[in-house]
Amino acid sequence: MAANKNQHQINGEIRDREVRVIKESTGEMLGVMPSREALRLAEEEGLDLVKISPNAVPPVCKIMDYGKFKFEQAKKEKENRRNQKVVELKEVQLSMTIDVGDLNVKAKQATKFLEAGNKVKVTIRLRGRQMAHANLAKDVIMNFAESLKEIAAVEKPLNMEGRNLILILGPVKK
């Protein structure tokens, strides 16, 4: 019977001839023995024989309470999921003709996003004749990124997508 990625073979499912046995309660290594004998030892103690390391030669099995083991693993997974932080992509839109004061306001907003651990997508939409002067828009975005260099690193370099100039900044690891 094949085991799933996170499901272990237990008791009668273990078909190997010989297994290395560890007693979990004491951490004691009982050595290499036939799997029938290991199963008998586990049943004498009222516990389960669980294959922990199927790829080892011979496979490693532990004598333990499988229900308790599954509960502990589920608890660990739940804790890990709770500790994961979802990184969002926030957007700051600039214009090619933005003034210094407005640029500072946008930089302050981007700083808040970055300090919260989010990524920032900086965009400039070029309208009409501005397409002929895309180099000026590039300068505006690069100056903006330069003003945030202490707290932000360029994750995706400046590129043109249609009429939009896009730069993605990520928070600097402390």
N, C-alpha and C. Protein backbone atom coordinates (compact mmCIF):
# COMPACT_ATOMS: atom_id res chain seq x y z
N MET A 1 0.84 -1.18 0.00
CA MET A 1 0.00 0.00 0.00
C MET A 1 0.89 1.24 0.00
N ALA A 2 0.70 2.14 -0.97
CA ALA A 2 1.54 3.33 -1.07
C ALA A 2 1.05 4.39 -0.09
N ALA A 3 1.99 5.05 0.56
CA ALA A 3 1.65 6.10 1.52
C ALA A 3 1.61 7.45 0.82
N ASN A 4 0.71 8.31 1.27
CA ASN A 4 0.64 9.68 0.75
C ASN A 4 1.86 10.45 1.22
N LYS A 5 1.97 11.70 0.72
CA LYS A 5 3.13 12.51 1.06
C LYS A 5 3.24 12.73 2.56
N ASN A 6 2.10 13.02 3.25
CA ASN A 6 2.20 13.27 4.67
C ASN A 6 1.53 12.18 5.51
N GLN A 7 1.36 11.01 4.95
CA GLN A 7 0.80 9.92 5.72
C GLN A 7 1.87 8.84 5.87
N HIS A 8 2.04 8.37 7.08
CA HIS A 8 3.06 7.37 7.36
C HIS A 8 2.44 5.98 7.33
N GLN A 9 3.26 4.97 7.02
CA GLN A 9 2.81 3.60 7.11
C GLN A 9 2.84 3.20 8.58
N ILE A 10 1.79 2.53 9.01
CA ILE A 10 1.75 2.10 10.41
C ILE A 10 1.41 0.62 10.50
N ASN A 11 1.87 0.00 11.57
CA ASN A 11 1.58 -1.40 11.93
C ASN A 11 1.62 -2.35 10.74
N GLY A 12 0.48 -2.93 10.34
CA GLY A 12 0.43 -3.94 9.29
C GLY A 12 0.77 -3.44 7.90
N GLU A 13 0.74 -2.14 7.70
CA GLU A 13 1.06 -1.57 6.38
C GLU A 13 2.56 -1.66 6.07
N ILE A 14 3.39 -1.86 7.09
CA ILE A 14 4.84 -1.92 6.90
C ILE A 14 5.19 -3.30 6.37
N ARG A 15 5.67 -3.33 5.12
CA ARG A 15 5.93 -4.61 4.44
C ARG A 15 7.42 -4.96 4.37
N ASP A 16 8.28 -4.08 4.89
CA ASP A 16 9.72 -4.33 4.82
C ASP A 16 10.11 -5.53 5.68
N ARG A 17 11.14 -6.25 5.21
CA ARG A 17 11.59 -7.43 5.95
C ARG A 17 12.25 -7.03 7.27
N GLU A 18 13.17 -6.05 7.17
CA GLU A 18 13.87 -5.59 8.36
C GLU A 18 13.68 -4.09 8.52
N VAL A 19 13.60 -3.64 9.78
CA VAL A 19 13.48 -2.22 10.06
C VAL A 19 14.37 -1.86 11.24
N ARG A 20 14.81 -0.59 11.26
CA ARG A 20 15.56 -0.07 12.41
C ARG A 20 14.52 0.54 13.34
N VAL A 21 14.53 0.12 14.59
CA VAL A 21 13.46 0.51 15.52
C VAL A 21 13.98 1.46 16.60
N ILE A 22 13.19 2.51 16.84
CA ILE A 22 13.49 3.48 17.91
C ILE A 22 12.26 3.54 18.80
N LYS A 23 12.49 3.54 20.08
CA LYS A 23 11.40 3.67 21.05
C LYS A 23 11.26 5.15 21.36
N GLU A 24 10.12 5.77 20.97
CA GLU A 24 10.00 7.22 21.10
C GLU A 24 9.97 7.69 22.55
N SER A 25 9.33 6.94 23.43
CA SER A 25 9.18 7.40 24.81
C SER A 25 10.54 7.62 25.49
N THR A 26 11.53 6.77 25.17
CA THR A 26 12.84 6.92 25.80
C THR A 26 13.89 7.42 24.81
N GLY A 27 13.59 7.38 23.51
CA GLY A 27 14.56 7.76 22.50
C GLY A 27 15.61 6.68 22.29
N GLU A 28 15.36 5.51 22.87
CA GLU A 28 16.31 4.40 22.84
C GLU A 28 16.27 3.69 21.48
N MET A 29 17.46 3.41 20.94
CA MET A 29 17.57 2.68 19.67
C MET A 29 17.55 1.19 19.99
N LEU A 30 16.53 0.50 19.46
CA LEU A 30 16.41 -0.94 19.72
C LEU A 30 17.16 -1.77 18.69
N GLY A 31 17.60 -1.11 17.62
CA GLY A 31 18.41 -1.81 16.61
C GLY A 31 17.60 -2.29 15.41
N VAL A 32 18.28 -3.05 14.54
CA VAL A 32 17.65 -3.59 13.33
C VAL A 32 17.03 -4.94 13.68
N MET A 33 15.76 -5.12 13.30
CA MET A 33 15.08 -6.38 13.59
C MET A 33 14.01 -6.62 12.53
N PRO A 34 13.53 -7.86 12.44
CA PRO A 34 12.44 -8.13 11.50
C PRO A 34 11.21 -7.29 11.85
N SER A 35 10.45 -6.88 10.84
CA SER A 35 9.31 -5.99 11.10
C SER A 35 8.24 -6.67 11.95
N ARG A 36 8.10 -8.00 11.85
CA ARG A 36 7.11 -8.71 12.69
C ARG A 36 7.46 -8.59 14.17
N GLU A 37 8.75 -8.72 14.47
CA GLU A 37 9.17 -8.61 15.87
C GLU A 37 8.97 -7.18 16.38
N ALA A 38 9.26 -6.19 15.55
CA ALA A 38 9.07 -4.80 15.93
C ALA A 38 7.58 -4.52 16.19
N LEU A 39 6.72 -5.08 15.33
CA LEU A 39 5.28 -4.91 15.51
C LEU A 39 4.82 -5.56 16.81
N ARG A 40 5.38 -6.74 17.12
CA ARG A 40 5.03 -7.44 18.36
C ARG A 40 5.41 -6.59 19.58
N LEU A 41 6.62 -5.98 19.53
CA LEU A 41 7.07 -5.12 20.63
C LEU A 41 6.12 -3.93 20.82
N ALA A 42 5.71 -3.34 19.70
CA ALA A 42 4.81 -2.18 19.77
C ALA A 42 3.47 -2.58 20.37
N GLU A 43 2.93 -3.74 19.95
CA GLU A 43 1.63 -4.19 20.46
C GLU A 43 1.70 -4.53 21.94
N GLU A 44 2.84 -5.05 22.40
CA GLU A 44 3.00 -5.36 23.82
C GLU A 44 2.87 -4.10 24.68
N GLU A 45 3.35 -2.99 24.14
CA GLU A 45 3.28 -1.73 24.89
C GLU A 45 1.98 -0.97 24.63
N GLY A 46 1.12 -1.51 23.75
CA GLY A 46 -0.14 -0.84 23.43
C GLY A 46 0.06 0.38 22.55
N LEU A 47 1.14 0.40 21.77
CA LEU A 47 1.45 1.54 20.89
C LEU A 47 1.49 1.09 19.44
N ASP A 48 1.79 2.02 18.55
CA ASP A 48 1.85 1.72 17.12
C ASP A 48 3.30 1.71 16.64
N LEU A 49 3.54 0.95 15.57
CA LEU A 49 4.83 0.97 14.89
C LEU A 49 4.64 1.87 13.67
N VAL A 50 5.39 2.99 13.60
CA VAL A 50 5.21 3.98 12.53
C VAL A 50 6.50 4.13 11.75
N LYS A 51 6.39 3.99 10.41
CA LYS A 51 7.57 4.15 9.55
C LYS A 51 7.83 5.64 9.37
N ILE A 52 8.96 6.12 9.90
CA ILE A 52 9.30 7.54 9.88
C ILE A 52 10.15 7.88 8.67
N SER A 53 11.13 7.05 8.37
CA SER A 53 12.07 7.31 7.28
C SER A 53 12.03 6.15 6.29
N PRO A 54 11.12 6.18 5.31
CA PRO A 54 10.97 5.04 4.40
C PRO A 54 12.15 4.87 3.43
N ASN A 55 12.91 5.94 3.17
CA ASN A 55 13.98 5.87 2.17
C ASN A 55 15.30 5.38 2.74
N ALA A 56 15.40 5.28 4.06
CA ALA A 56 16.65 4.81 4.67
C ALA A 56 16.78 3.31 4.46
N VAL A 57 18.01 2.81 4.58
CA VAL A 57 18.24 1.37 4.44
C VAL A 57 18.88 0.86 5.72
N PRO A 58 18.23 0.04 6.50
CA PRO A 58 16.81 -0.32 6.44
C PRO A 58 15.94 0.85 6.91
N PRO A 59 14.64 0.84 6.57
CA PRO A 59 13.74 1.93 6.95
C PRO A 59 13.69 2.11 8.48
N VAL A 60 13.52 3.36 8.91
CA VAL A 60 13.48 3.66 10.34
C VAL A 60 12.03 3.71 10.81
N CYS A 61 11.74 2.98 11.88
CA CYS A 61 10.39 2.95 12.45
C CYS A 61 10.47 3.36 13.92
N LYS A 62 9.39 3.98 14.40
CA LYS A 62 9.33 4.36 15.81
C LYS A 62 8.13 3.68 16.45
N ILE A 63 8.33 3.30 17.70
CA ILE A 63 7.22 2.78 18.49
C ILE A 63 6.64 3.99 19.23
N MET A 64 5.39 4.37 18.88
CA MET A 64 4.78 5.58 19.43
C MET A 64 3.26 5.50 19.37
N ASP A 65 2.61 6.47 20.01
CA ASP A 65 1.16 6.61 19.92
C ASP A 65 0.88 7.42 18.66
N TYR A 66 0.37 6.77 17.60
CA TYR A 66 0.20 7.42 16.31
C TYR A 66 -0.84 8.54 16.36
N GLY A 67 -1.91 8.35 17.12
CA GLY A 67 -2.94 9.38 17.24
C GLY A 67 -2.37 10.66 17.82
N LYS A 68 -1.56 10.52 18.85
CA LYS A 68 -0.93 11.69 19.48
C LYS A 68 0.04 12.36 18.51
N PHE A 69 0.78 11.55 17.76
CA PHE A 69 1.75 12.04 16.78
C PHE A 69 1.03 12.87 15.71
N LYS A 70 -0.10 12.36 15.18
CA LYS A 70 -0.87 13.08 14.15
C LYS A 70 -1.40 14.39 14.71
N PHE A 71 -1.88 14.36 15.94
CA PHE A 71 -2.41 15.57 16.58
C PHE A 71 -1.33 16.63 16.70
N GLU A 72 -0.13 16.23 17.15
CA GLU A 72 0.99 17.17 17.30
C GLU A 72 1.38 17.78 15.95
N GLN A 73 1.40 16.94 14.91
CA GLN A 73 1.77 17.44 13.58
C GLN A 73 0.73 18.43 13.06
N ALA A 74 -0.56 18.13 13.28
CA ALA A 74 -1.62 19.04 12.84
C ALA A 74 -1.50 20.37 13.58
N LYS A 75 -1.16 20.30 14.85
CA LYS A 75 -0.99 21.51 15.66
C LYS A 75 0.17 22.36 15.13
N LYS A 76 1.28 21.70 14.77
CA LYS A 76 2.44 22.42 14.22
C LYS A 76 2.09 23.09 12.89
N GLU A 77 1.37 22.36 12.02
CA GLU A 77 0.99 22.92 10.73
C GLU A 77 0.10 24.14 10.90
N LYS A 78 -0.85 24.05 11.83
CA LYS A 78 -1.76 25.16 12.09
C LYS A 78 -0.98 26.37 12.58
N GLU A 79 -0.02 26.15 13.46
CA GLU A 79 0.82 27.23 13.99
C GLU A 79 1.63 27.87 12.87
N ASN A 80 2.20 27.04 11.97
CA ASN A 80 2.98 27.56 10.84
C ASN A 80 2.13 28.39 9.90
N ARG A 81 0.89 27.93 9.65
CA ARG A 81 0.00 28.69 8.77
C ARG A 81 -0.35 30.04 9.39
N ARG A 82 -0.53 30.05 10.72
CA ARG A 82 -0.89 31.30 11.38
C ARG A 82 0.28 32.29 11.34
N ASN A 83 1.51 31.80 11.36
CA ASN A 83 2.67 32.68 11.38
C ASN A 83 3.08 33.17 10.00
N GLN A 84 2.44 32.66 8.93
CA GLN A 84 2.79 33.11 7.59
C GLN A 84 2.24 34.51 7.35
N LYS A 85 3.04 35.35 6.73
CA LYS A 85 2.61 36.70 6.40
C LYS A 85 2.36 36.75 4.90
N VAL A 86 1.19 37.24 4.53
CA VAL A 86 0.86 37.38 3.12
C VAL A 86 1.36 38.73 2.66
N VAL A 87 2.23 38.73 1.65
CA VAL A 87 2.78 39.97 1.12
C VAL A 87 1.87 40.46 0.00
N GLU A 88 1.40 41.69 0.16
CA GLU A 88 0.53 42.27 -0.86
C GLU A 88 1.34 43.17 -1.78
N LEU A 89 0.79 43.42 -2.96
CA LEU A 89 1.41 44.33 -3.90
C LEU A 89 0.56 45.60 -3.92
N LYS A 90 1.10 46.68 -3.36
CA LYS A 90 0.40 47.97 -3.32
C LYS A 90 0.89 48.80 -4.51
N GLU A 91 0.03 49.69 -4.99
CA GLU A 91 0.41 50.48 -6.16
C GLU A 91 0.45 51.97 -5.82
N VAL A 92 1.49 52.64 -6.30
CA VAL A 92 1.61 54.09 -6.18
C VAL A 92 1.71 54.61 -7.61
N GLN A 93 0.75 55.49 -7.97
CA GLN A 93 0.76 56.04 -9.33
C GLN A 93 1.34 57.44 -9.30
N LEU A 94 2.28 57.67 -10.19
CA LEU A 94 2.90 58.98 -10.34
C LEU A 94 2.52 59.52 -11.71
N SER A 95 2.77 60.81 -11.91
CA SER A 95 2.60 61.36 -13.26
C SER A 95 3.96 61.89 -13.70
N MET A 96 4.09 62.06 -14.99
CA MET A 96 5.37 62.50 -15.52
C MET A 96 5.68 63.93 -15.08
N THR A 97 4.65 64.72 -14.81
CA THR A 97 4.84 66.13 -14.46
C THR A 97 4.62 66.37 -12.97
N ILE A 98 4.85 65.37 -12.13
CA ILE A 98 4.61 65.49 -10.69
C ILE A 98 5.57 66.50 -10.07
N ASP A 99 5.06 67.25 -9.08
CA ASP A 99 5.87 68.27 -8.42
C ASP A 99 6.56 67.66 -7.20
N VAL A 100 7.55 68.33 -6.66
CA VAL A 100 8.36 67.82 -5.55
C VAL A 100 7.50 67.50 -4.33
N GLY A 101 6.58 68.39 -3.96
CA GLY A 101 5.72 68.17 -2.79
C GLY A 101 4.87 66.93 -2.95
N ASP A 102 4.26 66.78 -4.12
CA ASP A 102 3.41 65.61 -4.38
C ASP A 102 4.25 64.33 -4.40
N LEU A 103 5.47 64.43 -4.93
CA LEU A 103 6.36 63.27 -4.96
C LEU A 103 6.71 62.83 -3.54
N ASN A 104 6.91 63.81 -2.63
CA ASN A 104 7.20 63.47 -1.23
C ASN A 104 6.02 62.79 -0.56
N VAL A 105 4.80 63.24 -0.87
CA VAL A 105 3.59 62.62 -0.31
C VAL A 105 3.49 61.16 -0.77
N LYS A 106 3.74 60.95 -2.06
CA LYS A 106 3.70 59.57 -2.60
C LYS A 106 4.80 58.72 -1.99
N ALA A 107 5.98 59.30 -1.76
CA ALA A 107 7.09 58.57 -1.15
C ALA A 107 6.73 58.17 0.29
N LYS A 108 6.05 59.07 1.01
CA LYS A 108 5.63 58.77 2.38
C LYS A 108 4.64 57.60 2.39
N GLN A 109 3.72 57.61 1.42
CA GLN A 109 2.73 56.53 1.31
C GLN A 109 3.42 55.20 1.00
N ALA A 110 4.37 55.23 0.07
CA ALA A 110 5.12 54.02 -0.30
C ALA A 110 5.93 53.52 0.90
N THR A 111 6.46 54.45 1.71
CA THR A 111 7.21 54.08 2.90
C THR A 111 6.33 53.30 3.87
N LYS A 112 5.09 53.75 4.05
CA LYS A 112 4.14 53.04 4.94
C LYS A 112 3.93 51.60 4.44
N PHE A 113 3.72 51.48 3.13
CA PHE A 113 3.50 50.15 2.55
C PHE A 113 4.70 49.25 2.77
N LEU A 114 5.90 49.77 2.51
CA LEU A 114 7.12 48.97 2.63
C LEU A 114 7.39 48.57 4.07
N GLU A 115 7.15 49.49 5.02
CA GLU A 115 7.38 49.18 6.42
C GLU A 115 6.40 48.12 6.93
N ALA A 116 5.23 48.03 6.29
CA ALA A 116 4.25 46.99 6.64
C ALA A 116 4.63 45.65 6.02
N GLY A 117 5.73 45.63 5.23
CA GLY A 117 6.20 44.39 4.63
C GLY A 117 5.62 44.09 3.26
N ASN A 118 4.94 45.06 2.67
CA ASN A 118 4.35 44.86 1.35
C ASN A 118 5.29 45.34 0.25
N LYS A 119 5.02 44.86 -0.98
CA LYS A 119 5.77 45.33 -2.14
C LYS A 119 5.02 46.53 -2.72
N VAL A 120 5.74 47.38 -3.44
CA VAL A 120 5.13 48.57 -4.03
C VAL A 120 5.38 48.57 -5.54
N LYS A 121 4.30 48.74 -6.28
CA LYS A 121 4.37 48.85 -7.74
C LYS A 121 4.25 50.33 -8.07
N VAL A 122 5.30 50.90 -8.64
CA VAL A 122 5.30 52.32 -9.00
C VAL A 122 5.01 52.41 -10.49
N THR A 123 3.96 53.17 -10.85
CA THR A 123 3.59 53.26 -12.27
C THR A 123 3.44 54.72 -12.69
N ILE A 124 3.76 54.94 -13.94
CA ILE A 124 3.47 56.23 -14.60
C ILE A 124 2.78 55.89 -15.90
N ARG A 125 1.57 56.41 -16.07
CA ARG A 125 0.84 56.21 -17.32
C ARG A 125 1.14 57.40 -18.24
N LEU A 126 1.67 57.09 -19.41
CA LEU A 126 2.01 58.14 -20.38
C LEU A 126 0.80 58.40 -21.27
N ARG A 127 0.42 59.67 -21.36
CA ARG A 127 -0.76 60.04 -22.14
C ARG A 127 -0.33 60.87 -23.35
N GLY A 128 -0.97 60.61 -24.47
CA GLY A 128 -0.76 61.42 -25.67
C GLY A 128 0.68 61.61 -26.06
N ARG A 129 1.10 62.88 -26.12
CA ARG A 129 2.45 63.23 -26.58
C ARG A 129 3.54 62.84 -25.58
N GLN A 130 3.15 62.49 -24.35
CA GLN A 130 4.15 62.10 -23.35
C GLN A 130 4.93 60.86 -23.80
N MET A 131 4.34 60.06 -24.68
CA MET A 131 5.01 58.85 -25.17
C MET A 131 6.34 59.21 -25.85
N ALA A 132 6.41 60.38 -26.46
CA ALA A 132 7.63 60.81 -27.15
C ALA A 132 8.73 61.16 -26.15
N HIS A 133 8.35 61.40 -24.87
CA HIS A 133 9.32 61.81 -23.86
C HIS A 133 9.36 60.80 -22.70
N ALA A 134 9.36 59.52 -23.03
CA ALA A 134 9.36 58.47 -22.01
C ALA A 134 10.61 58.54 -21.13
N ASN A 135 11.71 59.08 -21.67
CA ASN A 135 12.94 59.18 -20.88
C ASN A 135 12.76 60.11 -19.66
N LEU A 136 11.91 61.14 -19.78
CA LEU A 136 11.63 62.03 -18.64
C LEU A 136 10.86 61.28 -17.55
N ALA A 137 9.93 60.43 -17.98
CA ALA A 137 9.15 59.62 -17.03
C ALA A 137 10.07 58.63 -16.32
N LYS A 138 11.03 58.06 -17.06
CA LYS A 138 11.99 57.14 -16.44
C LYS A 138 12.80 57.85 -15.36
N ASP A 139 13.18 59.09 -15.64
CA ASP A 139 13.92 59.86 -14.64
C ASP A 139 13.09 60.07 -13.37
N VAL A 140 11.79 60.38 -13.54
CA VAL A 140 10.91 60.60 -12.39
C VAL A 140 10.84 59.33 -11.54
N ILE A 141 10.64 58.17 -12.17
CA ILE A 141 10.54 56.91 -11.42
C ILE A 141 11.87 56.58 -10.75
N MET A 142 12.97 56.77 -11.43
CA MET A 142 14.27 56.44 -10.85
C MET A 142 14.59 57.37 -9.67
N ASN A 143 14.21 58.65 -9.76
CA ASN A 143 14.39 59.57 -8.63
C ASN A 143 13.53 59.13 -7.44
N PHE A 144 12.32 58.67 -7.73
CA PHE A 144 11.41 58.18 -6.69
C PHE A 144 12.03 56.96 -5.99
N ALA A 145 12.54 56.01 -6.78
CA ALA A 145 13.18 54.81 -6.21
C ALA A 145 14.42 55.20 -5.41
N GLU A 146 15.16 56.18 -5.89
CA GLU A 146 16.37 56.65 -5.20
C GLU A 146 16.01 57.24 -3.83
N SER A 147 14.88 57.94 -3.76
CA SER A 147 14.47 58.55 -2.49
C SER A 147 14.07 57.49 -1.46
N LEU A 148 13.76 56.28 -1.91
CA LEU A 148 13.35 55.20 -1.00
C LEU A 148 14.43 54.13 -0.83
N LYS A 149 15.66 54.40 -1.28
CA LYS A 149 16.68 53.34 -1.32
C LYS A 149 17.04 52.78 0.06
N GLU A 150 16.84 53.55 1.16
CA GLU A 150 17.17 53.02 2.49
C GLU A 150 16.22 51.90 2.92
N ILE A 151 14.95 52.00 2.49
CA ILE A 151 13.97 51.02 2.95
C ILE A 151 13.46 50.11 1.83
N ALA A 152 13.87 50.38 0.59
CA ALA A 152 13.35 49.59 -0.53
C ALA A 152 14.46 49.15 -1.47
N ALA A 153 14.26 47.96 -2.04
CA ALA A 153 15.18 47.45 -3.06
C ALA A 153 14.37 47.16 -4.31
N VAL A 154 14.97 47.36 -5.47
CA VAL A 154 14.27 47.10 -6.73
C VAL A 154 14.14 45.59 -6.91
N GLU A 155 12.90 45.12 -6.99
CA GLU A 155 12.67 43.68 -7.19
C GLU A 155 12.51 43.35 -8.67
N LYS A 156 11.82 44.22 -9.39
CA LYS A 156 11.66 44.02 -10.83
C LYS A 156 12.04 45.34 -11.49
N PRO A 157 13.05 45.32 -12.35
CA PRO A 157 13.55 46.57 -12.92
C PRO A 157 12.49 47.28 -13.76
N LEU A 158 12.77 48.53 -14.03
CA LEU A 158 11.87 49.40 -14.79
C LEU A 158 11.61 48.81 -16.18
N ASN A 159 10.33 48.71 -16.53
CA ASN A 159 10.02 48.26 -17.88
C ASN A 159 8.74 48.91 -18.37
N MET A 160 8.57 48.91 -19.68
CA MET A 160 7.44 49.56 -20.32
C MET A 160 6.43 48.50 -20.71
N GLU A 161 5.19 48.66 -20.22
CA GLU A 161 4.10 47.76 -20.60
C GLU A 161 3.02 48.61 -21.23
N GLY A 162 2.97 48.60 -22.55
CA GLY A 162 2.00 49.45 -23.25
C GLY A 162 2.35 50.91 -23.03
N ARG A 163 1.43 51.69 -22.44
CA ARG A 163 1.68 53.11 -22.16
C ARG A 163 2.15 53.32 -20.73
N ASN A 164 2.36 52.24 -19.98
CA ASN A 164 2.75 52.36 -18.57
C ASN A 164 4.21 52.01 -18.35
N LEU A 165 4.86 52.82 -17.52
CA LEU A 165 6.21 52.51 -17.04
C LEU A 165 6.02 51.91 -15.65
N ILE A 166 6.61 50.74 -15.42
CA ILE A 166 6.38 50.03 -14.16
C ILE A 166 7.70 49.64 -13.51
N LEU A 167 7.77 49.85 -12.17
CA LEU A 167 8.92 49.47 -11.36
C LEU A 167 8.36 48.84 -10.08
N ILE A 168 8.89 47.70 -9.67
CA ILE A 168 8.41 47.06 -8.44
C ILE A 168 9.51 47.10 -7.39
N LEU A 169 9.14 47.64 -6.22
CA LEU A 169 10.07 47.76 -5.09
C LEU A 169 9.63 46.81 -3.99
N GLY A 170 10.62 46.24 -3.30
CA GLY A 170 10.32 45.37 -2.16
C GLY A 170 11.04 45.90 -0.92
N PRO A 171 10.53 45.55 0.27
CA PRO A 171 11.19 46.04 1.49
C PRO A 171 12.58 45.43 1.63
N VAL A 172 13.52 46.21 2.17
CA VAL A 172 14.88 45.74 2.40
C VAL A 172 14.86 44.87 3.64
N LYS A 173 15.50 43.71 3.56
CA LYS A 173 15.57 42.80 4.71
C LYS A 173 16.47 43.41 5.76
N LYS A 174 15.99 43.38 7.01
CA LYS A 174 16.78 43.97 8.11
C LYS A 174 17.70 42.97 8.70
